[in-house]
Amino acid sequence: MKETDKWEDIKNSFPYLDILEKDPPISKKHPKQPMEARAAQFSPFAALTGYEDAIKEVSRYTEEKISLEEEAKNELDQELQKIEQRTRAKITIVYFEKDPRKKGGKYKEIQGIFQKIDREKRILFLEDKTKISLEDIVKIES
């Protein structure tokens, strides 16, 4: 089979082959769209809006709050009494922070300067305006 015969077979198989080499038509009415706008039409489509966020939220890890034994509670209370006697005591607190969206939470460690304890409301205050519930505290070091 000759080269020209092959080319004729290809031409017959693809009827639009003649326009393959031509430049695309340019509109006189509509200006060419910028590249950014052209790319936007091919952006991914999320059929289930919020699904990914919901999956991440469900899989996010939270811990259960540990309930302290009486001995540990007494030790914490003694440490709090010592801290109250000192002025501007620098302390490190480990406490449980409840998760706003799920059951459970996480344990956090914070350092700061002790300001006061409101025994009635059971809240510890640091100088930087941080408030920590006494029920959430598991460890205090000064």
N, C-alpha and C. Protein backbone atom coordinates (compact mmCIF):
# COMPACT_ATOMS: atom_id res chain seq x y z
N MET A 1 0.84 -1.17 0.00
CA MET A 1 0.00 0.00 0.00
C MET A 1 0.89 1.23 0.00
N LYS A 2 0.54 2.18 -0.86
CA LYS A 2 1.33 3.41 -0.99
C LYS A 2 1.01 4.37 0.13
N GLU A 3 1.93 5.33 0.34
CA GLU A 3 1.76 6.38 1.35
C GLU A 3 0.51 7.20 1.07
N THR A 4 0.27 7.52 -0.16
CA THR A 4 -0.90 8.34 -0.53
C THR A 4 -2.20 7.59 -0.27
N ASP A 5 -2.21 6.29 -0.46
CA ASP A 5 -3.40 5.49 -0.18
C ASP A 5 -3.73 5.50 1.31
N LYS A 6 -2.69 5.43 2.16
CA LYS A 6 -2.90 5.48 3.61
C LYS A 6 -3.51 6.81 4.01
N TRP A 7 -2.97 7.89 3.41
CA TRP A 7 -3.47 9.24 3.73
C TRP A 7 -4.93 9.38 3.33
N GLU A 8 -5.32 8.82 2.21
CA GLU A 8 -6.70 8.87 1.74
C GLU A 8 -7.62 8.09 2.70
N ASP A 9 -7.14 6.95 3.20
CA ASP A 9 -7.91 6.17 4.16
C ASP A 9 -8.13 6.95 5.45
N ILE A 10 -7.09 7.64 5.90
CA ILE A 10 -7.19 8.45 7.12
C ILE A 10 -8.18 9.59 6.90
N LYS A 11 -8.09 10.25 5.77
CA LYS A 11 -8.99 11.37 5.46
C LYS A 11 -10.44 10.90 5.44
N ASN A 12 -10.68 9.74 4.88
CA ASN A 12 -12.04 9.22 4.80
C ASN A 12 -12.56 8.79 6.18
N SER A 13 -11.66 8.35 7.06
CA SER A 13 -12.06 7.92 8.40
C SER A 13 -12.39 9.12 9.30
N PHE A 14 -11.71 10.24 9.10
CA PHE A 14 -11.89 11.44 9.91
C PHE A 14 -12.33 12.60 9.02
N PRO A 15 -13.63 12.82 8.94
CA PRO A 15 -14.12 13.82 8.00
C PRO A 15 -13.73 15.27 8.37
N TYR A 16 -13.36 15.55 9.61
CA TYR A 16 -13.03 16.92 10.00
C TYR A 16 -11.53 17.17 10.03
N LEU A 17 -10.77 16.31 9.44
CA LEU A 17 -9.33 16.43 9.42
C LEU A 17 -8.87 17.71 8.71
N ASP A 18 -9.65 18.19 7.79
CA ASP A 18 -9.26 19.39 7.04
C ASP A 18 -9.26 20.65 7.90
N ILE A 19 -10.03 20.67 8.98
CA ILE A 19 -10.06 21.88 9.82
C ILE A 19 -9.08 21.79 11.01
N LEU A 20 -8.40 20.66 11.11
CA LEU A 20 -7.47 20.46 12.21
C LEU A 20 -6.33 21.47 12.19
N GLU A 21 -5.86 21.81 11.07
CA GLU A 21 -4.72 22.72 10.93
C GLU A 21 -5.13 24.20 10.89
N LYS A 22 -6.40 24.49 10.85
CA LYS A 22 -6.85 25.89 10.75
C LYS A 22 -6.84 26.57 12.11
N ASP A 23 -6.71 27.90 12.11
CA ASP A 23 -6.79 28.69 13.35
C ASP A 23 -8.24 28.78 13.79
N PRO A 24 -8.48 28.86 15.10
CA PRO A 24 -9.86 28.98 15.57
C PRO A 24 -10.46 30.33 15.15
N PRO A 25 -11.75 30.36 14.95
CA PRO A 25 -12.38 31.63 14.54
C PRO A 25 -12.31 32.65 15.68
N ILE A 26 -12.17 33.93 15.34
CA ILE A 26 -12.12 35.01 16.33
C ILE A 26 -13.38 35.85 16.18
N SER A 27 -14.09 36.01 17.30
CA SER A 27 -15.35 36.74 17.27
C SER A 27 -15.10 38.24 17.20
N LYS A 28 -15.93 38.93 16.44
CA LYS A 28 -15.85 40.39 16.36
C LYS A 28 -16.74 41.03 17.44
N LYS A 29 -17.73 40.28 17.95
CA LYS A 29 -18.65 40.79 18.97
C LYS A 29 -18.11 40.63 20.38
N HIS A 30 -17.54 39.46 20.68
CA HIS A 30 -17.15 39.12 22.04
C HIS A 30 -15.63 39.13 22.19
N PRO A 31 -15.12 39.87 23.20
CA PRO A 31 -13.66 39.87 23.41
C PRO A 31 -13.20 38.53 23.97
N LYS A 32 -11.92 38.25 23.80
CA LYS A 32 -11.35 37.00 24.29
C LYS A 32 -11.37 36.99 25.82
N GLN A 33 -11.78 35.89 26.38
CA GLN A 33 -11.88 35.76 27.83
C GLN A 33 -10.48 35.62 28.43
N PRO A 34 -10.23 36.29 29.59
CA PRO A 34 -8.91 36.15 30.22
C PRO A 34 -8.66 34.71 30.66
N MET A 35 -7.39 34.34 30.78
CA MET A 35 -7.00 32.97 31.10
C MET A 35 -7.58 32.53 32.45
N GLU A 36 -7.60 33.42 33.48
CA GLU A 36 -8.12 33.06 34.80
C GLU A 36 -9.60 32.68 34.72
N ALA A 37 -10.36 33.43 33.95
CA ALA A 37 -11.79 33.16 33.82
C ALA A 37 -12.03 31.88 33.05
N ARG A 38 -11.17 31.60 32.08
CA ARG A 38 -11.32 30.37 31.32
C ARG A 38 -11.02 29.17 32.19
N ALA A 39 -10.04 29.30 33.06
CA ALA A 39 -9.67 28.19 33.95
C ALA A 39 -10.77 27.94 34.98
N ALA A 40 -11.48 28.97 35.39
CA ALA A 40 -12.51 28.83 36.43
C ALA A 40 -13.64 27.91 36.00
N GLN A 41 -13.92 27.84 34.73
CA GLN A 41 -15.02 27.00 34.28
C GLN A 41 -14.70 25.51 34.43
N PHE A 42 -13.42 25.19 34.67
CA PHE A 42 -13.03 23.80 34.85
C PHE A 42 -12.73 23.47 36.30
N SER A 43 -13.14 24.34 37.23
CA SER A 43 -12.87 24.08 38.65
C SER A 43 -13.68 22.88 39.11
N PRO A 44 -13.19 22.19 40.16
CA PRO A 44 -13.89 20.98 40.61
C PRO A 44 -15.29 21.30 41.14
N PHE A 45 -16.16 20.37 40.96
CA PHE A 45 -17.55 20.52 41.39
C PHE A 45 -17.79 19.60 42.57
N ALA A 46 -18.29 20.16 43.67
CA ALA A 46 -18.59 19.35 44.86
C ALA A 46 -20.09 19.12 44.92
N ALA A 47 -20.50 17.93 44.57
CA ALA A 47 -21.93 17.63 44.56
C ALA A 47 -22.50 17.61 45.97
N LEU A 48 -21.71 17.18 46.94
CA LEU A 48 -22.15 17.11 48.32
C LEU A 48 -21.43 18.19 49.13
N THR A 49 -21.96 19.39 49.09
CA THR A 49 -21.35 20.50 49.80
C THR A 49 -21.34 20.22 51.30
N GLY A 50 -20.17 20.38 51.92
CA GLY A 50 -20.04 20.17 53.36
C GLY A 50 -19.74 18.74 53.76
N TYR A 51 -19.77 17.83 52.84
CA TYR A 51 -19.54 16.41 53.16
C TYR A 51 -18.14 16.20 53.71
N GLU A 52 -17.13 16.79 53.06
CA GLU A 52 -15.74 16.64 53.51
C GLU A 52 -15.58 17.19 54.93
N ASP A 53 -16.19 18.35 55.21
CA ASP A 53 -16.10 18.94 56.54
C ASP A 53 -16.76 18.05 57.58
N ALA A 54 -17.87 17.46 57.23
CA ALA A 54 -18.57 16.57 58.16
C ALA A 54 -17.73 15.33 58.47
N ILE A 55 -17.07 14.79 57.48
CA ILE A 55 -16.20 13.62 57.67
C ILE A 55 -15.03 13.99 58.59
N LYS A 56 -14.43 15.16 58.35
CA LYS A 56 -13.31 15.60 59.19
C LYS A 56 -13.76 15.79 60.64
N GLU A 57 -14.94 16.36 60.81
CA GLU A 57 -15.46 16.62 62.16
C GLU A 57 -15.70 15.31 62.91
N VAL A 58 -16.27 14.33 62.25
CA VAL A 58 -16.55 13.05 62.89
C VAL A 58 -15.25 12.34 63.25
N SER A 59 -14.26 12.44 62.40
CA SER A 59 -13.01 11.73 62.64
C SER A 59 -12.06 12.48 63.57
N ARG A 60 -12.38 13.72 63.92
CA ARG A 60 -11.53 14.50 64.83
C ARG A 60 -11.52 13.86 66.21
N TYR A 61 -10.33 13.68 66.77
CA TYR A 61 -10.16 12.96 68.03
C TYR A 61 -10.44 13.88 69.22
N THR A 62 -11.21 13.38 70.19
CA THR A 62 -11.42 14.05 71.47
C THR A 62 -11.19 13.04 72.57
N GLU A 63 -10.80 13.55 73.74
CA GLU A 63 -10.55 12.69 74.88
C GLU A 63 -11.69 12.81 75.88
N GLU A 64 -11.83 11.80 76.69
CA GLU A 64 -12.79 11.83 77.79
C GLU A 64 -12.13 12.51 78.98
N LYS A 65 -12.92 13.19 79.77
CA LYS A 65 -12.41 13.86 80.97
C LYS A 65 -12.15 12.83 82.06
N ILE A 66 -10.97 12.93 82.67
CA ILE A 66 -10.60 12.03 83.76
C ILE A 66 -11.19 12.59 85.06
N SER A 67 -11.80 11.72 85.86
CA SER A 67 -12.27 12.20 87.16
C SER A 67 -11.21 11.81 88.19
N LEU A 68 -10.76 12.81 88.94
CA LEU A 68 -9.68 12.62 89.90
C LEU A 68 -10.16 11.91 91.16
N GLU A 69 -9.28 11.16 91.77
CA GLU A 69 -9.57 10.52 93.04
C GLU A 69 -9.47 11.57 94.15
N GLU A 70 -10.00 11.26 95.30
CA GLU A 70 -10.02 12.20 96.42
C GLU A 70 -8.62 12.66 96.81
N GLU A 71 -7.67 11.74 96.80
CA GLU A 71 -6.29 12.10 97.18
C GLU A 71 -5.72 13.14 96.23
N ALA A 72 -5.93 12.96 94.93
CA ALA A 72 -5.44 13.92 93.92
C ALA A 72 -6.14 15.26 94.08
N LYS A 73 -7.44 15.24 94.40
CA LYS A 73 -8.19 16.48 94.62
C LYS A 73 -7.63 17.24 95.83
N ASN A 74 -7.30 16.51 96.89
CA ASN A 74 -6.73 17.14 98.09
C ASN A 74 -5.37 17.76 97.79
N GLU A 75 -4.55 17.06 97.00
CA GLU A 75 -3.23 17.60 96.62
C GLU A 75 -3.39 18.88 95.81
N LEU A 76 -4.34 18.89 94.88
CA LEU A 76 -4.60 20.10 94.08
C LEU A 76 -5.05 21.25 94.98
N ASP A 77 -5.91 20.95 95.92
CA ASP A 77 -6.41 21.98 96.83
C ASP A 77 -5.27 22.56 97.67
N GLN A 78 -4.37 21.70 98.15
CA GLN A 78 -3.23 22.18 98.92
C GLN A 78 -2.32 23.06 98.07
N GLU A 79 -2.11 22.66 96.82
CA GLU A 79 -1.27 23.46 95.91
C GLU A 79 -1.92 24.82 95.64
N LEU A 80 -3.23 24.83 95.47
CA LEU A 80 -3.94 26.10 95.26
C LEU A 80 -3.80 27.01 96.48
N GLN A 81 -3.88 26.45 97.67
CA GLN A 81 -3.74 27.25 98.89
C GLN A 81 -2.34 27.85 98.99
N LYS A 82 -1.31 27.09 98.60
CA LYS A 82 0.07 27.61 98.60
C LYS A 82 0.21 28.76 97.60
N ILE A 83 -0.38 28.58 96.42
CA ILE A 83 -0.28 29.60 95.38
C ILE A 83 -0.98 30.89 95.81
N GLU A 84 -2.11 30.76 96.49
CA GLU A 84 -2.85 31.94 96.95
C GLU A 84 -2.04 32.77 97.93
N GLN A 85 -1.14 32.15 98.69
CA GLN A 85 -0.33 32.86 99.68
C GLN A 85 0.77 33.69 99.02
N ARG A 86 1.18 33.32 97.82
CA ARG A 86 2.27 34.02 97.13
C ARG A 86 1.71 35.07 96.19
N THR A 87 2.45 36.15 95.99
CA THR A 87 2.04 37.17 95.04
C THR A 87 2.76 36.95 93.72
N ARG A 88 2.02 37.10 92.67
CA ARG A 88 2.55 36.96 91.30
C ARG A 88 3.29 35.63 91.09
N ALA A 89 2.69 34.57 91.55
CA ALA A 89 3.29 33.24 91.39
C ALA A 89 3.17 32.79 89.94
N LYS A 90 4.30 32.34 89.39
CA LYS A 90 4.29 31.80 88.03
C LYS A 90 3.91 30.32 88.16
N ILE A 91 2.84 29.93 87.46
CA ILE A 91 2.33 28.56 87.58
C ILE A 91 2.14 27.91 86.21
N THR A 92 2.15 26.59 86.25
CA THR A 92 1.84 25.78 85.06
C THR A 92 0.63 24.93 85.42
N ILE A 93 -0.40 25.00 84.58
CA ILE A 93 -1.65 24.29 84.84
C ILE A 93 -1.94 23.34 83.69
N VAL A 94 -2.31 22.12 84.04
CA VAL A 94 -2.83 21.17 83.05
C VAL A 94 -4.32 21.05 83.34
N TYR A 95 -5.14 21.33 82.32
CA TYR A 95 -6.59 21.32 82.52
C TYR A 95 -7.30 20.75 81.30
N PHE A 96 -8.55 20.38 81.52
CA PHE A 96 -9.38 19.80 80.46
C PHE A 96 -10.20 20.92 79.82
N GLU A 97 -10.14 21.01 78.50
CA GLU A 97 -10.93 22.01 77.77
C GLU A 97 -12.00 21.27 76.98
N LYS A 98 -13.26 21.58 77.28
CA LYS A 98 -14.38 20.92 76.59
C LYS A 98 -14.40 21.33 75.12
N ASP A 99 -14.75 20.37 74.28
CA ASP A 99 -14.88 20.63 72.85
C ASP A 99 -16.23 21.31 72.61
N PRO A 100 -16.25 22.41 71.86
CA PRO A 100 -17.53 23.11 71.65
C PRO A 100 -18.52 22.37 70.75
N ARG A 101 -18.04 21.40 69.95
CA ARG A 101 -18.93 20.74 68.99
C ARG A 101 -19.18 19.27 69.26
N LYS A 102 -18.28 18.62 69.99
CA LYS A 102 -18.40 17.19 70.20
C LYS A 102 -18.32 16.86 71.68
N LYS A 103 -18.70 15.63 72.00
CA LYS A 103 -18.55 15.14 73.36
C LYS A 103 -17.05 14.95 73.63
N GLY A 104 -16.62 15.32 74.81
CA GLY A 104 -15.21 15.17 75.17
C GLY A 104 -14.47 16.49 75.02
N GLY A 105 -13.18 16.40 74.81
CA GLY A 105 -12.35 17.59 74.68
C GLY A 105 -10.89 17.19 74.61
N LYS A 106 -10.02 18.08 75.14
CA LYS A 106 -8.59 17.78 75.14
C LYS A 106 -7.94 18.42 76.36
N TYR A 107 -6.81 17.87 76.74
CA TYR A 107 -6.05 18.41 77.87
C TYR A 107 -5.05 19.41 77.33
N LYS A 108 -4.98 20.55 78.02
CA LYS A 108 -4.07 21.61 77.62
C LYS A 108 -3.17 21.97 78.78
N GLU A 109 -2.00 22.46 78.46
CA GLU A 109 -1.07 22.96 79.47
C GLU A 109 -0.85 24.43 79.20
N ILE A 110 -0.94 25.23 80.25
CA ILE A 110 -0.78 26.67 80.12
C ILE A 110 0.11 27.17 81.24
N GLN A 111 0.93 28.16 80.92
CA GLN A 111 1.76 28.83 81.92
C GLN A 111 1.30 30.26 82.05
N GLY A 112 1.34 30.77 83.25
CA GLY A 112 0.94 32.14 83.46
C GLY A 112 1.21 32.59 84.88
N ILE A 113 0.83 33.81 85.15
CA ILE A 113 1.01 34.37 86.49
C ILE A 113 -0.34 34.38 87.18
N PHE A 114 -0.38 33.76 88.34
CA PHE A 114 -1.60 33.62 89.13
C PHE A 114 -2.10 35.00 89.56
N GLN A 115 -3.42 35.22 89.41
CA GLN A 115 -4.03 36.47 89.86
C GLN A 115 -4.90 36.23 91.09
N LYS A 116 -5.93 35.37 90.95
CA LYS A 116 -6.81 35.10 92.09
C LYS A 116 -7.65 33.86 91.82
N ILE A 117 -8.36 33.42 92.88
CA ILE A 117 -9.33 32.33 92.76
C ILE A 117 -10.65 32.84 93.29
N ASP A 118 -11.69 32.63 92.51
CA ASP A 118 -13.05 32.93 92.97
C ASP A 118 -13.61 31.60 93.48
N ARG A 119 -13.60 31.44 94.80
CA ARG A 119 -14.02 30.17 95.41
C ARG A 119 -15.52 29.94 95.24
N GLU A 120 -16.28 31.02 95.20
CA GLU A 120 -17.73 30.88 95.04
C GLU A 120 -18.08 30.32 93.66
N LYS A 121 -17.47 30.89 92.61
CA LYS A 121 -17.74 30.44 91.24
C LYS A 121 -16.80 29.30 90.82
N ARG A 122 -15.80 29.01 91.66
CA ARG A 122 -14.83 27.95 91.41
C ARG A 122 -14.06 28.16 90.10
N ILE A 123 -13.48 29.39 89.99
CA ILE A 123 -12.72 29.77 88.80
C ILE A 123 -11.36 30.33 89.23
N LEU A 124 -10.30 29.90 88.52
CA LEU A 124 -8.96 30.43 88.72
C LEU A 124 -8.68 31.46 87.63
N PHE A 125 -8.13 32.60 88.01
CA PHE A 125 -7.83 33.67 87.06
C PHE A 125 -6.32 33.86 86.96
N LEU A 126 -5.84 34.04 85.76
CA LEU A 126 -4.45 34.39 85.52
C LEU A 126 -4.39 35.87 85.14
N GLU A 127 -3.19 36.45 85.20
CA GLU A 127 -3.04 37.88 84.90
C GLU A 127 -3.42 38.23 83.46
N ASP A 128 -3.27 37.29 82.55
CA ASP A 128 -3.59 37.57 81.14
C ASP A 128 -5.08 37.40 80.84
N LYS A 129 -5.91 37.41 81.89
CA LYS A 129 -7.38 37.32 81.80
C LYS A 129 -7.89 35.91 81.48
N THR A 130 -7.02 34.91 81.51
CA THR A 130 -7.45 33.53 81.30
C THR A 130 -8.24 33.06 82.52
N LYS A 131 -9.36 32.39 82.27
CA LYS A 131 -10.20 31.83 83.32
C LYS A 131 -10.23 30.31 83.15
N ILE A 132 -10.00 29.59 84.26
CA ILE A 132 -10.02 28.14 84.22
C ILE A 132 -10.88 27.63 85.36
N SER A 133 -11.83 26.79 85.04
CA SER A 133 -12.69 26.19 86.06
C SER A 133 -11.86 25.26 86.94
N LEU A 134 -12.05 25.35 88.25
CA LEU A 134 -11.30 24.49 89.16
C LEU A 134 -11.61 23.01 88.94
N GLU A 135 -12.82 22.70 88.47
CA GLU A 135 -13.20 21.31 88.21
C GLU A 135 -12.43 20.71 87.03
N ASP A 136 -11.92 21.57 86.15
CA ASP A 136 -11.21 21.08 84.96
C ASP A 136 -9.71 20.91 85.17
N ILE A 137 -9.17 21.40 86.27
CA ILE A 137 -7.74 21.34 86.54
C ILE A 137 -7.36 19.94 87.03
N VAL A 138 -6.29 19.39 86.43
CA VAL A 138 -5.79 18.08 86.85
C VAL A 138 -4.41 18.17 87.49
N LYS A 139 -3.69 19.23 87.19
CA LYS A 139 -2.32 19.35 87.73
C LYS A 139 -1.92 20.81 87.78
N ILE A 140 -1.24 21.20 88.88
CA ILE A 140 -0.71 22.56 89.02
C ILE A 140 0.71 22.45 89.53
N GLU A 141 1.60 23.19 88.89
CA GLU A 141 2.98 23.28 89.35
C GLU A 141 3.34 24.74 89.50
N SER A 142 4.09 25.04 90.58
CA SER A 142 4.53 26.43 90.76
C SER A 142 6.03 26.51 90.91
